[in-house]
Amino acid sequence: MSDQIIANLNLNVQSTRLTDSKQFNFTDLLAAQFMASGIQVATTAYAALTIGDMASTDIGVMVLQNLDTNNYCLYGSTLGEFKLDPGDFHFVRVNPGKTIQIMANTANVKVYKYIVGK
């Protein structure tokens, strides 16, 4: 299959009060013409998430992972819409045309980014 992006997430919750299991599947017909990946250092001042040669109107989906073990960071199209805790990852569909801002809370944080464009 070509011109697709597919993501799968298996979620298993095990606790004394709750046990649950769910699988989420995401498929979209993206003609992935652009990609930006690698590590970006989020500083304690808001800065744009770098997306290389891709235009913000081309962004389709994004995965961010906080590589820090102690500090969280905030990101979003406005200041601090989403919180990325230490070690967490987020998979999101990005509204094209938005500039994603990112900021670390108390010390610089390395964030792995994987962005696919249309």
N, C-alpha and C. Protein backbone atom coordinates (compact mmCIF):
# COMPACT_ATOMS: atom_id res chain seq x y z
N MET A 1 0.85 -1.18 0.00
CA MET A 1 0.00 0.00 0.00
C MET A 1 0.89 1.23 0.00
N SER A 2 0.58 2.17 -0.85
CA SER A 2 1.39 3.37 -0.90
C SER A 2 0.57 4.58 -0.46
N ASP A 3 1.29 5.65 -0.23
CA ASP A 3 0.67 6.92 0.15
C ASP A 3 -0.18 6.79 1.41
N GLN A 4 0.32 6.04 2.38
CA GLN A 4 -0.40 5.86 3.64
C GLN A 4 0.54 6.05 4.82
N ILE A 5 -0.05 6.43 5.91
CA ILE A 5 0.65 6.38 7.19
C ILE A 5 -0.24 5.56 8.11
N ILE A 6 0.38 4.61 8.82
CA ILE A 6 -0.35 3.71 9.70
C ILE A 6 0.32 3.73 11.06
N ALA A 7 -0.46 3.88 12.12
CA ALA A 7 0.05 3.84 13.49
C ALA A 7 -0.85 2.94 14.32
N ASN A 8 -0.24 2.18 15.22
CA ASN A 8 -0.98 1.29 16.10
C ASN A 8 -0.52 1.51 17.54
N LEU A 9 -1.46 1.48 18.46
CA LEU A 9 -1.16 1.63 19.88
C LEU A 9 -1.91 0.55 20.65
N ASN A 10 -1.19 -0.24 21.43
CA ASN A 10 -1.80 -1.22 22.32
C ASN A 10 -1.73 -0.67 23.74
N LEU A 11 -2.88 -0.55 24.38
CA LEU A 11 -2.96 0.01 25.73
C LEU A 11 -3.46 -1.08 26.67
N ASN A 12 -2.65 -1.39 27.70
CA ASN A 12 -3.03 -2.37 28.71
C ASN A 12 -2.94 -1.72 30.07
N VAL A 13 -4.04 -1.72 30.80
CA VAL A 13 -4.10 -1.14 32.14
C VAL A 13 -4.28 -2.27 33.13
N GLN A 14 -3.41 -2.37 34.12
CA GLN A 14 -3.48 -3.39 35.15
C GLN A 14 -3.33 -2.72 36.51
N SER A 15 -4.37 -2.71 37.29
CA SER A 15 -4.30 -2.19 38.65
C SER A 15 -5.28 -2.94 39.52
N THR A 16 -5.28 -2.68 40.81
CA THR A 16 -6.20 -3.37 41.71
C THR A 16 -7.64 -2.94 41.48
N ARG A 17 -7.85 -1.77 40.91
CA ARG A 17 -9.20 -1.25 40.70
C ARG A 17 -9.68 -1.30 39.26
N LEU A 18 -8.74 -1.53 38.34
CA LEU A 18 -9.12 -1.46 36.93
C LEU A 18 -8.20 -2.35 36.10
N THR A 19 -8.79 -3.13 35.24
CA THR A 19 -8.06 -3.90 34.24
C THR A 19 -8.76 -3.68 32.91
N ASP A 20 -7.99 -3.27 31.93
CA ASP A 20 -8.58 -2.98 30.63
C ASP A 20 -7.51 -3.14 29.56
N SER A 21 -7.95 -3.40 28.37
CA SER A 21 -7.06 -3.53 27.23
C SER A 21 -7.76 -2.95 26.01
N LYS A 22 -7.03 -2.18 25.23
CA LYS A 22 -7.61 -1.55 24.06
C LYS A 22 -6.53 -1.38 23.00
N GLN A 23 -6.90 -1.57 21.76
CA GLN A 23 -5.99 -1.33 20.66
C GLN A 23 -6.55 -0.21 19.80
N PHE A 24 -5.71 0.74 19.47
CA PHE A 24 -6.10 1.87 18.63
C PHE A 24 -5.30 1.78 17.34
N ASN A 25 -5.98 1.97 16.23
CA ASN A 25 -5.33 1.94 14.92
C ASN A 25 -5.66 3.23 14.18
N PHE A 26 -4.66 3.77 13.53
CA PHE A 26 -4.81 5.02 12.79
C PHE A 26 -4.25 4.79 11.39
N THR A 27 -5.05 5.06 10.39
CA THR A 27 -4.61 4.97 9.00
C THR A 27 -5.09 6.22 8.27
N ASP A 28 -4.21 6.82 7.52
CA ASP A 28 -4.60 7.98 6.74
C ASP A 28 -3.92 7.91 5.38
N LEU A 29 -4.58 8.46 4.40
CA LEU A 29 -4.05 8.48 3.04
C LEU A 29 -3.20 9.73 2.83
N LEU A 30 -2.02 9.70 3.41
CA LEU A 30 -1.09 10.80 3.24
C LEU A 30 -0.09 10.42 2.16
N ALA A 31 0.12 11.31 1.25
CA ALA A 31 1.21 11.12 0.31
C ALA A 31 2.43 11.77 0.96
N ALA A 32 3.14 11.01 1.75
CA ALA A 32 4.23 11.55 2.58
C ALA A 32 5.36 12.07 1.70
N GLN A 33 5.33 13.34 1.45
CA GLN A 33 6.32 13.98 0.61
C GLN A 33 7.44 14.63 1.42
N PHE A 34 7.20 14.81 2.72
CA PHE A 34 8.17 15.49 3.57
C PHE A 34 8.28 14.76 4.89
N MET A 35 9.45 14.85 5.51
CA MET A 35 9.63 14.27 6.82
C MET A 35 10.69 15.07 7.56
N ALA A 36 10.46 15.30 8.84
CA ALA A 36 11.46 15.92 9.71
C ALA A 36 11.58 15.03 10.93
N SER A 37 12.79 14.58 11.22
CA SER A 37 12.98 13.76 12.40
C SER A 37 14.32 14.07 13.02
N GLY A 38 14.45 13.68 14.27
CA GLY A 38 15.70 13.91 14.99
C GLY A 38 15.43 14.50 16.36
N ILE A 39 16.49 14.90 17.00
CA ILE A 39 16.40 15.44 18.35
C ILE A 39 16.48 16.96 18.30
N GLN A 40 15.58 17.60 19.03
CA GLN A 40 15.61 19.05 19.20
C GLN A 40 15.70 19.34 20.69
N VAL A 41 16.52 20.30 21.06
CA VAL A 41 16.62 20.70 22.45
C VAL A 41 15.59 21.79 22.72
N ALA A 42 14.68 21.49 23.64
CA ALA A 42 13.70 22.50 24.06
C ALA A 42 14.32 23.28 25.20
N THR A 43 14.38 24.58 25.06
CA THR A 43 14.95 25.43 26.10
C THR A 43 13.83 25.96 26.99
N THR A 44 14.19 26.78 27.97
CA THR A 44 13.19 27.32 28.89
C THR A 44 12.49 28.56 28.34
N ALA A 45 12.69 28.84 27.07
CA ALA A 45 11.95 29.91 26.39
C ALA A 45 11.21 29.28 25.22
N TYR A 46 9.99 29.72 24.97
CA TYR A 46 9.23 29.16 23.86
C TYR A 46 9.95 29.41 22.55
N ALA A 47 10.03 28.37 21.74
CA ALA A 47 10.64 28.46 20.40
C ALA A 47 9.89 27.52 19.48
N ALA A 48 9.95 27.81 18.20
CA ALA A 48 9.25 26.98 17.23
C ALA A 48 9.93 25.63 17.10
N LEU A 49 9.11 24.60 16.99
CA LEU A 49 9.62 23.26 16.69
C LEU A 49 10.13 23.30 15.26
N THR A 50 11.37 22.94 15.03
CA THR A 50 11.93 23.02 13.68
C THR A 50 11.43 21.86 12.84
N ILE A 51 11.06 22.17 11.62
CA ILE A 51 10.49 21.16 10.73
C ILE A 51 11.25 21.08 9.41
N GLY A 52 12.47 21.55 9.38
CA GLY A 52 13.32 21.43 8.20
C GLY A 52 12.77 22.18 7.01
N ASP A 53 12.79 21.53 5.85
CA ASP A 53 12.33 22.15 4.61
C ASP A 53 10.82 22.10 4.43
N MET A 54 10.14 21.46 5.38
CA MET A 54 8.69 21.31 5.28
C MET A 54 8.00 22.63 5.65
N ALA A 55 6.97 23.00 4.91
CA ALA A 55 6.16 24.16 5.27
C ALA A 55 5.15 23.75 6.34
N SER A 56 4.77 24.67 7.20
CA SER A 56 3.80 24.33 8.26
C SER A 56 2.47 23.86 7.66
N THR A 57 2.18 24.26 6.43
CA THR A 57 0.94 23.82 5.79
C THR A 57 1.02 22.37 5.33
N ASP A 58 2.21 21.78 5.34
CA ASP A 58 2.40 20.41 4.89
C ASP A 58 2.34 19.38 6.02
N ILE A 59 2.40 19.83 7.27
CA ILE A 59 2.46 18.90 8.40
C ILE A 59 1.19 18.07 8.46
N GLY A 60 1.37 16.76 8.62
CA GLY A 60 0.24 15.85 8.74
C GLY A 60 0.11 15.28 10.13
N VAL A 61 1.10 14.47 10.53
CA VAL A 61 1.10 13.87 11.86
C VAL A 61 2.46 14.07 12.51
N MET A 62 2.47 13.99 13.84
CA MET A 62 3.68 14.25 14.59
C MET A 62 3.76 13.34 15.80
N VAL A 63 4.95 12.81 16.06
CA VAL A 63 5.24 12.08 17.29
C VAL A 63 6.34 12.84 18.00
N LEU A 64 6.12 13.15 19.27
CA LEU A 64 7.14 13.77 20.11
C LEU A 64 7.41 12.84 21.28
N GLN A 65 8.69 12.68 21.64
CA GLN A 65 9.04 11.91 22.82
C GLN A 65 10.03 12.71 23.65
N ASN A 66 9.70 12.87 24.92
CA ASN A 66 10.58 13.56 25.86
C ASN A 66 11.66 12.58 26.28
N LEU A 67 12.91 12.86 25.96
CA LEU A 67 14.03 11.98 26.29
C LEU A 67 14.61 12.25 27.66
N ASP A 68 14.13 13.28 28.34
CA ASP A 68 14.62 13.63 29.67
C ASP A 68 13.97 12.74 30.73
N THR A 69 14.69 12.48 31.81
CA THR A 69 14.15 11.64 32.89
C THR A 69 13.61 12.45 34.06
N ASN A 70 13.82 13.77 34.06
CA ASN A 70 13.40 14.60 35.19
C ASN A 70 12.47 15.75 34.84
N ASN A 71 12.63 16.33 33.68
CA ASN A 71 11.93 17.57 33.35
C ASN A 71 10.89 17.36 32.25
N TYR A 72 9.78 18.08 32.38
CA TYR A 72 8.75 18.03 31.35
C TYR A 72 8.90 19.22 30.43
N CYS A 73 8.14 19.20 29.33
CA CYS A 73 8.09 20.36 28.45
C CYS A 73 6.64 20.59 28.04
N LEU A 74 6.37 21.78 27.60
CA LEU A 74 5.06 22.18 27.13
C LEU A 74 5.16 22.47 25.64
N TYR A 75 4.09 22.17 24.92
CA TYR A 75 4.09 22.48 23.50
C TYR A 75 2.67 22.74 23.02
N GLY A 76 2.57 23.33 21.85
CA GLY A 76 1.27 23.58 21.25
C GLY A 76 1.35 24.72 20.25
N SER A 77 0.22 24.99 19.61
CA SER A 77 0.19 26.11 18.66
C SER A 77 0.07 27.44 19.40
N THR A 78 -0.41 27.38 20.63
CA THR A 78 -0.31 28.53 21.53
C THR A 78 0.56 28.07 22.69
N LEU A 79 0.78 28.88 23.65
CA LEU A 79 1.77 28.56 24.67
C LEU A 79 1.25 27.56 25.69
N GLY A 80 1.79 26.36 25.64
CA GLY A 80 1.56 25.37 26.67
C GLY A 80 0.25 24.63 26.63
N GLU A 81 -0.29 24.33 25.47
CA GLU A 81 -1.54 23.58 25.38
C GLU A 81 -1.39 22.14 25.86
N PHE A 82 -0.20 21.54 25.64
CA PHE A 82 0.01 20.14 25.97
C PHE A 82 1.27 19.96 26.79
N LYS A 83 1.23 19.01 27.72
CA LYS A 83 2.37 18.72 28.60
C LYS A 83 2.95 17.36 28.24
N LEU A 84 4.25 17.33 28.04
CA LEU A 84 4.97 16.11 27.70
C LEU A 84 5.89 15.77 28.87
N ASP A 85 5.45 14.84 29.71
CA ASP A 85 6.20 14.47 30.91
C ASP A 85 7.47 13.71 30.55
N PRO A 86 8.40 13.58 31.51
CA PRO A 86 9.64 12.85 31.25
C PRO A 86 9.35 11.44 30.73
N GLY A 87 9.98 11.09 29.61
CA GLY A 87 9.83 9.77 29.03
C GLY A 87 8.57 9.56 28.20
N ASP A 88 7.61 10.45 28.29
CA ASP A 88 6.35 10.30 27.56
C ASP A 88 6.53 10.53 26.07
N PHE A 89 5.56 9.99 25.30
CA PHE A 89 5.49 10.31 23.88
C PHE A 89 4.04 10.70 23.56
N HIS A 90 3.88 11.52 22.55
CA HIS A 90 2.56 11.92 22.06
C HIS A 90 2.52 11.72 20.56
N PHE A 91 1.40 11.19 20.10
CA PHE A 91 1.12 11.05 18.67
C PHE A 91 -0.07 11.94 18.38
N VAL A 92 0.10 12.91 17.52
CA VAL A 92 -0.98 13.85 17.25
C VAL A 92 -1.09 14.16 15.76
N ARG A 93 -2.29 14.46 15.37
CA ARG A 93 -2.57 15.00 14.05
C ARG A 93 -2.45 16.51 14.20
N VAL A 94 -1.72 17.14 13.31
CA VAL A 94 -1.48 18.58 13.40
C VAL A 94 -2.38 19.31 12.41
N ASN A 95 -3.02 20.36 12.86
CA ASN A 95 -3.81 21.21 11.99
C ASN A 95 -2.84 22.00 11.10
N PRO A 96 -2.85 21.75 9.79
CA PRO A 96 -1.88 22.41 8.90
C PRO A 96 -1.92 23.92 9.04
N GLY A 97 -0.75 24.51 8.92
CA GLY A 97 -0.63 25.97 8.99
C GLY A 97 -0.28 26.49 10.36
N LYS A 98 -0.25 25.62 11.36
CA LYS A 98 0.08 26.04 12.72
C LYS A 98 1.58 25.88 12.97
N THR A 99 2.16 26.83 13.66
CA THR A 99 3.54 26.71 14.12
C THR A 99 3.50 26.13 15.51
N ILE A 100 4.21 25.03 15.72
CA ILE A 100 4.22 24.36 17.02
C ILE A 100 5.34 24.97 17.86
N GLN A 101 4.97 25.49 19.02
CA GLN A 101 5.91 26.07 19.98
C GLN A 101 6.23 25.02 21.04
N ILE A 102 7.47 25.01 21.54
CA ILE A 102 7.87 24.07 22.57
C ILE A 102 8.76 24.77 23.59
N MET A 103 8.63 24.37 24.87
CA MET A 103 9.41 24.98 25.94
C MET A 103 9.61 23.97 27.07
N ALA A 104 10.82 23.90 27.61
CA ALA A 104 11.12 23.06 28.77
C ALA A 104 10.73 23.79 30.05
N ASN A 105 10.43 23.02 31.11
CA ASN A 105 9.97 23.68 32.33
C ASN A 105 11.10 24.33 33.13
N THR A 106 12.14 23.59 33.53
CA THR A 106 13.17 24.19 34.38
C THR A 106 14.58 24.06 33.83
N ALA A 107 14.80 23.12 32.94
CA ALA A 107 16.11 22.92 32.32
C ALA A 107 15.89 22.42 30.90
N ASN A 108 16.90 22.60 30.06
CA ASN A 108 16.78 22.13 28.68
C ASN A 108 16.40 20.66 28.63
N VAL A 109 15.55 20.31 27.65
CA VAL A 109 15.05 18.96 27.49
C VAL A 109 15.28 18.53 26.04
N LYS A 110 15.82 17.33 25.86
CA LYS A 110 15.96 16.77 24.51
C LYS A 110 14.65 16.10 24.16
N VAL A 111 14.12 16.45 22.99
CA VAL A 111 12.85 15.91 22.51
C VAL A 111 13.10 15.28 21.14
N TYR A 112 12.70 14.01 21.02
CA TYR A 112 12.77 13.36 19.71
C TYR A 112 11.50 13.71 18.96
N LYS A 113 11.64 14.14 17.73
CA LYS A 113 10.48 14.50 16.91
C LYS A 113 10.47 13.68 15.63
N TYR A 114 9.29 13.29 15.22
CA TYR A 114 9.09 12.58 13.97
C TYR A 114 7.83 13.17 13.36
N ILE A 115 8.02 13.93 12.28
CA ILE A 115 6.93 14.68 11.67
C ILE A 115 6.82 14.26 10.20
N VAL A 116 5.62 13.88 9.79
CA VAL A 116 5.39 13.49 8.41
C VAL A 116 4.44 14.50 7.78
N GLY A 117 4.78 14.95 6.59
CA GLY A 117 3.94 15.91 5.88
C GLY A 117 3.19 15.29 4.74
N LYS A 118 2.27 16.06 4.21
CA LYS A 118 1.45 15.59 3.11
C LYS A 118 2.13 15.85 1.78
